[in-house]
Amino acid sequence: MAHIELHLHTKAGSADSSISVDALGERAAELETGGVLVTEHWRVWTEGERAMFTERWGVQTYPAIEATTDAGHFLVLGAEPGLSLPHDTSELLDFTSARQLFVVWAHPFRHYFDGIHTSQRPPFEAGLKPEELALHPAFARVDAIEVENAGSTERENALALEVGRILGKPLTAGSDAHDLEHVGARRLPVSAVPTGAEELVELLRSLTLEDHL
């Protein structure tokens, strides 16, 4: 059984990551991870960078970026290098829909249960039931929901899984690794490693609740 790892960051495009590109490649190869979805915060790896990574480490990569908006973080698959994304959620989803880009709402409930400043909380009122949370308009427009994130709490992930169950959308898992220790913390078993973005999207569209039980 092969594995892929979704949602992680390196120093090549994320200021809050301590992982070098070569350290990621070495670690992924050690773990026999067949593909990694590098979702940097401010840039998309070029085709040349991804090709060199795969040639050196034998690990597939896919074009993607993590967009930061007023409603949280969204993984945009198929994004091209140099792409400038809107920070307004509605505008982002209009933008990605027009370009047929696959969007995952990443860790949608991170800090939902925390008593912190509203600027750090997700865009939901406190104390809502899963059925009420599922009514947020962005959920209807994204292609998938991240329901397992190694950087989130069990309670946050459980809530995301329950909302994902209600919505019936594809459900993903990601390590969200920013340091080498967490590379491999969440991986997906696959029968075959996708060789490109289109195959990866096809795989993600098939993920269901049963894949997370």
C-alpha atoms as a PDB file:
ATOM      1  CA  MET A   1       0.000   0.000   0.000  1.00  0.00           C
ATOM      2  CA  ALA A   2       1.356   3.418  -0.990  1.00  0.00           C
ATOM      3  CA  HIS A   3       0.849   6.687   0.905  1.00  0.00           C
ATOM      4  CA  ILE A   4       0.537  10.366   0.106  1.00  0.00           C
ATOM      5  CA  GLU A   5       0.770  13.296   2.486  1.00  0.00           C
ATOM      6  CA  LEU A   6      -1.377  16.402   2.110  1.00  0.00           C
ATOM      7  CA  HIS A   7      -0.950  19.936   3.431  1.00  0.00           C
ATOM      8  CA  LEU A   8       2.579  20.752   4.554  1.00  0.00           C
ATOM      9  CA  HIS A   9       5.003  23.672   4.349  1.00  0.00           C
ATOM     10  CA  THR A  10       8.696  24.345   3.734  1.00  0.00           C
ATOM     11  CA  LYS A  11      11.063  27.285   4.073  1.00  0.00           C
ATOM     12  CA  ALA A  12      10.842  27.674   0.283  1.00  0.00           C
ATOM     13  CA  GLY A  13       7.503  29.437   0.588  1.00  0.00           C
ATOM     14  CA  SER A  14       6.314  29.584   4.196  1.00  0.00           C
ATOM     15  CA  ALA A  15       8.010  31.907   6.679  1.00  0.00           C
ATOM     16  CA  ASP A  16       6.637  29.935   9.643  1.00  0.00           C
ATOM     17  CA  SER A  17       8.156  26.619   8.507  1.00  0.00           C
ATOM     18  CA  SER A  18      11.558  25.282   9.541  1.00  0.00           C
ATOM     19  CA  ILE A  19      11.609  22.458   6.959  1.00  0.00           C
ATOM     20  CA  SER A  20      14.106  22.732   4.123  1.00  0.00           C
ATOM     21  CA  VAL A  21      13.162  21.280   0.750  1.00  0.00           C
ATOM     22  CA  ASP A  22      15.867  18.619   0.956  1.00  0.00           C
ATOM     23  CA  ALA A  23      14.915  17.710   4.531  1.00  0.00           C
ATOM     24  CA  LEU A  24      11.342  17.167   3.373  1.00  0.00           C
ATOM     25  CA  GLY A  25      12.477  15.018   0.470  1.00  0.00           C
ATOM     26  CA  GLU A  26      14.772  12.918   2.634  1.00  0.00           C
ATOM     27  CA  ARG A  27      12.132  12.390   5.308  1.00  0.00           C
ATOM     28  CA  ALA A  28       9.364  11.573   2.815  1.00  0.00           C
ATOM     29  CA  ALA A  29      11.637   9.076   1.080  1.00  0.00           C
ATOM     30  CA  GLU A  30      12.535   7.470   4.429  1.00  0.00           C
ATOM     31  CA  LEU A  31       8.834   7.061   5.224  1.00  0.00           C
ATOM     32  CA  GLU A  32       8.190   5.720   1.710  1.00  0.00           C
ATOM     33  CA  THR A  33       5.646   8.460   1.112  1.00  0.00           C
ATOM     34  CA  GLY A  34       4.938   8.442  -2.610  1.00  0.00           C
ATOM     35  CA  GLY A  35       3.595  11.982  -2.953  1.00  0.00           C
ATOM     36  CA  VAL A  36       3.423  15.226  -0.970  1.00  0.00           C
ATOM     37  CA  LEU A  37       1.117  18.202  -1.430  1.00  0.00           C
ATOM     38  CA  VAL A  38       3.265  21.212  -0.519  1.00  0.00           C
ATOM     39  CA  THR A  39       0.885  24.083   0.241  1.00  0.00           C
ATOM     40  CA  GLU A  40       3.120  27.065   0.881  1.00  0.00           C
ATOM     41  CA  HIS A  41       1.643  30.246   2.321  1.00  0.00           C
ATOM     42  CA  TRP A  42       2.885  32.731  -0.253  1.00  0.00           C
ATOM     43  CA  ARG A  43       4.005  30.939  -3.418  1.00  0.00           C
ATOM     44  CA  VAL A  44       3.445  27.908  -5.626  1.00  0.00           C
ATOM     45  CA  TRP A  45       6.455  25.755  -6.418  1.00  0.00           C
ATOM     46  CA  THR A  46       7.425  26.030 -10.082  1.00  0.00           C
ATOM     47  CA  GLU A  47       7.188  23.046 -12.390  1.00  0.00           C
ATOM     48  CA  GLY A  48      10.991  22.945 -12.462  1.00  0.00           C
ATOM     49  CA  GLU A  49      11.233  22.856  -8.669  1.00  0.00           C
ATOM     50  CA  ARG A  50       8.728  20.057  -8.457  1.00  0.00           C
ATOM     51  CA  ALA A  51      10.467  18.078 -11.217  1.00  0.00           C
ATOM     52  CA  MET A  52      13.858  18.385  -9.495  1.00  0.00           C
ATOM     53  CA  PHE A  53      12.335  17.323  -6.167  1.00  0.00           C
ATOM     54  CA  THR A  54      10.790  14.216  -7.717  1.00  0.00           C
ATOM     55  CA  GLU A  55      13.962  13.362  -9.627  1.00  0.00           C
ATOM     56  CA  ARG A  56      16.118  13.621  -6.502  1.00  0.00           C
ATOM     57  CA  TRP A  57      13.852  11.996  -3.943  1.00  0.00           C
ATOM     58  CA  GLY A  58      11.458   9.839  -5.946  1.00  0.00           C
ATOM     59  CA  VAL A  59       8.475  11.606  -4.380  1.00  0.00           C
ATOM     60  CA  GLN A  60       5.695  13.178  -6.448  1.00  0.00           C
ATOM     61  CA  THR A  61       4.612  16.764  -5.815  1.00  0.00           C
ATOM     62  CA  TYR A  62       1.590  18.742  -6.987  1.00  0.00           C
ATOM     63  CA  PRO A  63       0.946  22.456  -7.645  1.00  0.00           C
ATOM     64  CA  ALA A  64      -0.884  24.065  -4.719  1.00  0.00           C
ATOM     65  CA  ILE A  65      -0.966  26.963  -2.270  1.00  0.00           C
ATOM     66  CA  GLU A  66      -2.667  27.713   1.052  1.00  0.00           C
ATOM     67  CA  ALA A  67      -4.747  30.871   0.739  1.00  0.00           C
ATOM     68  CA  THR A  68      -5.496  32.992   3.807  1.00  0.00           C
ATOM     69  CA  THR A  69      -8.890  34.735   3.814  1.00  0.00           C
ATOM     70  CA  ASP A  70     -11.308  36.422   6.176  1.00  0.00           C
ATOM     71  CA  ALA A  71     -12.870  33.004   6.846  1.00  0.00           C
ATOM     72  CA  GLY A  72      -9.714  30.978   7.374  1.00  0.00           C
ATOM     73  CA  HIS A  73      -7.350  28.933   5.240  1.00  0.00           C
ATOM     74  CA  PHE A  74      -8.084  27.201   1.960  1.00  0.00           C
ATOM     75  CA  LEU A  75      -5.873  24.785   0.016  1.00  0.00           C
ATOM     76  CA  VAL A  76      -6.000  25.567  -3.702  1.00  0.00           C
ATOM     77  CA  LEU A  77      -4.905  22.642  -5.878  1.00  0.00           C
ATOM     78  CA  GLY A  78      -3.794  23.263  -9.429  1.00  0.00           C
ATOM     79  CA  ALA A  79      -2.740  26.832  -8.709  1.00  0.00           C
ATOM     80  CA  GLU A  80      -0.083  28.199 -11.039  1.00  0.00           C
ATOM     81  CA  PRO A  81       3.175  29.840  -9.883  1.00  0.00           C
ATOM     82  CA  GLY A  82       2.800  33.609  -9.536  1.00  0.00           C
ATOM     83  CA  LEU A  83      -0.952  33.400  -8.993  1.00  0.00           C
ATOM     84  CA  SER A  84      -2.354  36.209  -6.819  1.00  0.00           C
ATOM     85  CA  LEU A  85      -5.373  35.094  -4.806  1.00  0.00           C
ATOM     86  CA  PRO A  86      -8.117  37.272  -3.251  1.00  0.00           C
ATOM     87  CA  HIS A  87      -8.266  37.505   0.553  1.00  0.00           C
ATOM     88  CA  ASP A  88     -12.057  37.781   0.610  1.00  0.00           C
ATOM     89  CA  THR A  89     -13.517  34.270   0.835  1.00  0.00           C
ATOM     90  CA  SER A  90     -16.371  34.852  -1.583  1.00  0.00           C
ATOM     91  CA  GLU A  91     -14.026  36.433  -4.109  1.00  0.00           C
ATOM     92  CA  LEU A  92     -11.532  33.601  -3.687  1.00  0.00           C
ATOM     93  CA  LEU A  93     -14.186  30.973  -4.358  1.00  0.00           C
ATOM     94  CA  ASP A  94     -15.448  32.929  -7.384  1.00  0.00           C
ATOM     95  CA  PHE A  95     -11.853  33.092  -8.628  1.00  0.00           C
ATOM     96  CA  THR A  96     -11.118  29.397  -8.132  1.00  0.00           C
ATOM     97  CA  SER A  97     -14.470  28.288  -9.533  1.00  0.00           C
ATOM     98  CA  ALA A  98     -13.934  30.274 -12.725  1.00  0.00           C
ATOM     99  CA  ARG A  99     -10.572  28.543 -13.178  1.00  0.00           C
ATOM    100  CA  GLN A 100     -11.846  25.103 -12.130  1.00  0.00           C
ATOM    101  CA  LEU A 101      -9.364  24.858  -9.271  1.00  0.00           C
ATOM    102  CA  PHE A 102      -9.999  22.314  -6.504  1.00  0.00           C
ATOM    103  CA  VAL A 103     -10.395  23.915  -3.063  1.00  0.00           C
ATOM    104  CA  VAL A 104     -10.170  22.300   0.378  1.00  0.00           C
ATOM    105  CA  TRP A 105     -11.252  24.214   3.487  1.00  0.00           C
ATOM    106  CA  ALA A 106      -8.308  23.525   5.790  1.00  0.00           C
ATOM    107  CA  HIS A 107      -8.796  22.978   9.557  1.00  0.00           C
ATOM    108  CA  PRO A 108     -12.106  24.926   9.500  1.00  0.00           C
ATOM    109  CA  PHE A 109     -12.636  24.757  13.275  1.00  0.00           C
ATOM    110  CA  ARG A 110      -9.147  25.542  14.565  1.00  0.00           C
ATOM    111  CA  HIS A 111      -9.520  27.639  17.762  1.00  0.00           C
ATOM    112  CA  TYR A 112     -13.323  27.335  17.629  1.00  0.00           C
ATOM    113  CA  PHE A 113     -13.399  26.222  21.276  1.00  0.00           C
ATOM    114  CA  ASP A 114     -10.685  28.620  22.465  1.00  0.00           C
ATOM    115  CA  GLY A 115     -11.281  31.808  24.407  1.00  0.00           C
ATOM    116  CA  ILE A 116      -9.063  33.955  22.227  1.00  0.00           C
ATOM    117  CA  HIS A 117      -9.485  37.200  20.334  1.00  0.00           C
ATOM    118  CA  THR A 118     -12.100  37.060  17.578  1.00  0.00           C
ATOM    119  CA  SER A 119      -9.435  37.880  14.973  1.00  0.00           C
ATOM    120  CA  GLN A 120      -7.921  34.429  15.608  1.00  0.00           C
ATOM    121  CA  ARG A 121     -11.187  32.512  15.655  1.00  0.00           C
ATOM    122  CA  PRO A 122     -12.935  30.887  12.700  1.00  0.00           C
ATOM    123  CA  PRO A 123     -15.974  32.686  11.206  1.00  0.00           C
ATOM    124  CA  PHE A 124     -18.649  30.922  13.261  1.00  0.00           C
ATOM    125  CA  GLU A 125     -20.676  31.977  16.255  1.00  0.00           C
ATOM    126  CA  ALA A 126     -19.753  30.155  19.453  1.00  0.00           C
ATOM    127  CA  GLY A 127     -21.915  27.294  20.650  1.00  0.00           C
ATOM    128  CA  LEU A 128     -23.507  26.337  17.334  1.00  0.00           C
ATOM    129  CA  LYS A 129     -24.559  22.765  16.588  1.00  0.00           C
ATOM    130  CA  PRO A 130     -22.882  20.903  13.710  1.00  0.00           C
ATOM    131  CA  GLU A 131     -26.062  21.238  11.653  1.00  0.00           C
ATOM    132  CA  GLU A 132     -25.945  25.004  12.103  1.00  0.00           C
ATOM    133  CA  LEU A 133     -22.226  25.247  11.359  1.00  0.00           C
ATOM    134  CA  ALA A 134     -22.746  23.326   8.137  1.00  0.00           C
ATOM    135  CA  LEU A 135     -24.934  26.171   6.848  1.00  0.00           C
ATOM    136  CA  HIS A 136     -21.977  28.529   6.406  1.00  0.00           C
ATOM    137  CA  PRO A 137     -22.068  29.473   2.702  1.00  0.00           C
ATOM    138  CA  ALA A 138     -18.388  28.663   2.099  1.00  0.00           C
ATOM    139  CA  PHE A 139     -19.007  25.000   2.923  1.00  0.00           C
ATOM    140  CA  ALA A 140     -21.405  24.753  -0.005  1.00  0.00           C
ATOM    141  CA  ARG A 141     -18.798  26.138  -2.394  1.00  0.00           C
ATOM    142  CA  VAL A 142     -15.599  24.297  -1.475  1.00  0.00           C
ATOM    143  CA  ASP A 143     -14.782  20.972  -3.088  1.00  0.00           C
ATOM    144  CA  ALA A 144     -13.616  19.196   0.077  1.00  0.00           C
ATOM    145  CA  ILE A 145     -13.144  19.661   3.813  1.00  0.00           C
ATOM    146  CA  GLU A 146     -10.054  18.820   5.831  1.00  0.00           C
ATOM    147  CA  VAL A 147     -11.327  16.805   8.790  1.00  0.00           C
ATOM    148  CA  GLU A 148      -8.027  15.419  10.118  1.00  0.00           C
ATOM    149  CA  ASN A 149      -5.229  17.885  10.747  1.00  0.00           C
ATOM    150  CA  ALA A 150      -2.241  16.993  12.906  1.00  0.00           C
ATOM    151  CA  GLY A 151      -1.995  20.605  14.072  1.00  0.00           C
ATOM    152  CA  SER A 152      -5.578  20.716  15.332  1.00  0.00           C
ATOM    153  CA  THR A 153      -7.048  19.246  18.508  1.00  0.00           C
ATOM    154  CA  GLU A 154      -9.053  16.045  18.559  1.00  0.00           C
ATOM    155  CA  ARG A 155     -12.150  18.073  19.416  1.00  0.00           C
ATOM    156  CA  GLU A 156     -11.632  20.421  16.465  1.00  0.00           C
ATOM    157  CA  ASN A 157     -11.078  17.504  14.092  1.00  0.00           C
ATOM    158  CA  ALA A 158     -14.099  15.641  15.433  1.00  0.00           C
ATOM    159  CA  LEU A 159     -16.304  18.663  14.795  1.00  0.00           C
ATOM    160  CA  ALA A 160     -14.953  19.013  11.259  1.00  0.00           C
ATOM    161  CA  LEU A 161     -15.670  15.332  10.646  1.00  0.00           C
ATOM    162  CA  GLU A 162     -19.240  15.685  11.918  1.00  0.00           C
ATOM    163  CA  VAL A 163     -19.889  18.735   9.733  1.00  0.00           C
ATOM    164  CA  GLY A 164     -18.312  16.930   6.784  1.00  0.00           C
ATOM    165  CA  ARG A 165     -20.617  13.972   7.385  1.00  0.00           C
ATOM    166  CA  ILE A 166     -23.638  16.280   7.298  1.00  0.00           C
ATOM    167  CA  LEU A 167     -22.486  17.930   4.073  1.00  0.00           C
ATOM    168  CA  GLY A 168     -21.515  14.698   2.324  1.00  0.00           C
ATOM    169  CA  LYS A 169     -18.470  16.265   0.712  1.00  0.00           C
ATOM    170  CA  PRO A 170     -15.048  14.681   0.117  1.00  0.00           C
ATOM    171  CA  LEU A 171     -13.060  14.669   3.364  1.00  0.00           C
ATOM    172  CA  THR A 172      -9.279  15.012   3.511  1.00  0.00           C
ATOM    173  CA  ALA A 173      -6.480  14.611   6.052  1.00  0.00           C
ATOM    174  CA  GLY A 174      -3.205  16.500   6.311  1.00  0.00           C
ATOM    175  CA  SER A 175      -0.182  16.731   8.575  1.00  0.00           C
ATOM    176  CA  ASP A 176       0.050  20.529   8.217  1.00  0.00           C
ATOM    177  CA  ALA A 177       3.713  19.991   9.061  1.00  0.00           C
ATOM    178  CA  HIS A 178       5.799  23.116   9.657  1.00  0.00           C
ATOM    179  CA  ASP A 179       8.687  21.233  11.273  1.00  0.00           C
ATOM    180  CA  LEU A 180      10.416  17.987  10.377  1.00  0.00           C
ATOM    181  CA  GLU A 181       9.073  16.170  13.435  1.00  0.00           C
ATOM    182  CA  HIS A 182       5.502  16.367  12.106  1.00  0.00           C
ATOM    183  CA  VAL A 183       6.205  15.246   8.544  1.00  0.00           C
ATOM    184  CA  GLY A 184       4.273  12.002   8.162  1.00  0.00           C
ATOM    185  CA  ALA A 185       1.916  12.738  11.067  1.00  0.00           C
ATOM    186  CA  ARG A 186      -1.096  12.297   8.764  1.00  0.00           C
ATOM    187  CA  ARG A 187      -0.917  10.295   5.554  1.00  0.00           C
ATOM    188  CA  LEU A 188      -3.508   8.764   3.265  1.00  0.00           C
ATOM    189  CA  PRO A 189      -3.166   5.180   2.059  1.00  0.00           C
ATOM    190  CA  VAL A 190      -3.654   4.911  -1.710  1.00  0.00           C
ATOM    191  CA  SER A 191      -3.625   2.047  -4.178  1.00  0.00           C
ATOM    192  CA  ALA A 192      -1.467   4.111  -6.538  1.00  0.00           C
ATOM    193  CA  VAL A 193       0.322   7.437  -6.119  1.00  0.00           C
ATOM    194  CA  PRO A 194      -1.183  10.142  -8.374  1.00  0.00           C
ATOM    195  CA  THR A 195       1.282  11.247 -11.031  1.00  0.00           C
ATOM    196  CA  GLY A 196      -0.184  14.725 -11.469  1.00  0.00           C
ATOM    197  CA  ALA A 197      -2.677  17.260 -10.185  1.00  0.00           C
ATOM    198  CA  GLU A 198      -5.597  15.870 -12.185  1.00  0.00           C
ATOM    199  CA  GLU A 199      -5.112  12.375 -10.775  1.00  0.00           C
ATOM    200  CA  LEU A 200      -4.779  13.798  -7.263  1.00  0.00           C
ATOM    201  CA  VAL A 201      -8.030  15.746  -7.601  1.00  0.00           C
ATOM    202  CA  GLU A 202      -9.781  12.633  -8.895  1.00  0.00           C
ATOM    203  CA  LEU A 203      -8.536  10.746  -5.841  1.00  0.00           C
ATOM    204  CA  LEU A 204      -9.619  13.469  -3.408  1.00  0.00           C
ATOM    205  CA  ARG A 205     -13.085  13.622  -4.940  1.00  0.00           C
ATOM    206  CA  SER A 206     -13.516   9.950  -4.010  1.00  0.00           C
ATOM    207  CA  LEU A 207     -12.690  10.320  -0.293  1.00  0.00           C
ATOM    208  CA  THR A 208     -15.645   9.639   2.000  1.00  0.00           C
ATOM    209  CA  LEU A 209     -16.507   9.372   5.689  1.00  0.00           C
ATOM    210  CA  GLU A 210     -15.489   5.724   5.714  1.00  0.00           C
ATOM    211  CA  ASP A 211     -11.899   6.716   4.950  1.00  0.00           C
ATOM    212  CA  HIS A 212     -11.758   8.448   8.357  1.00  0.00           C
ATOM    213  CA  LEU A 213     -13.406   5.865  10.599  1.00  0.00           C
END
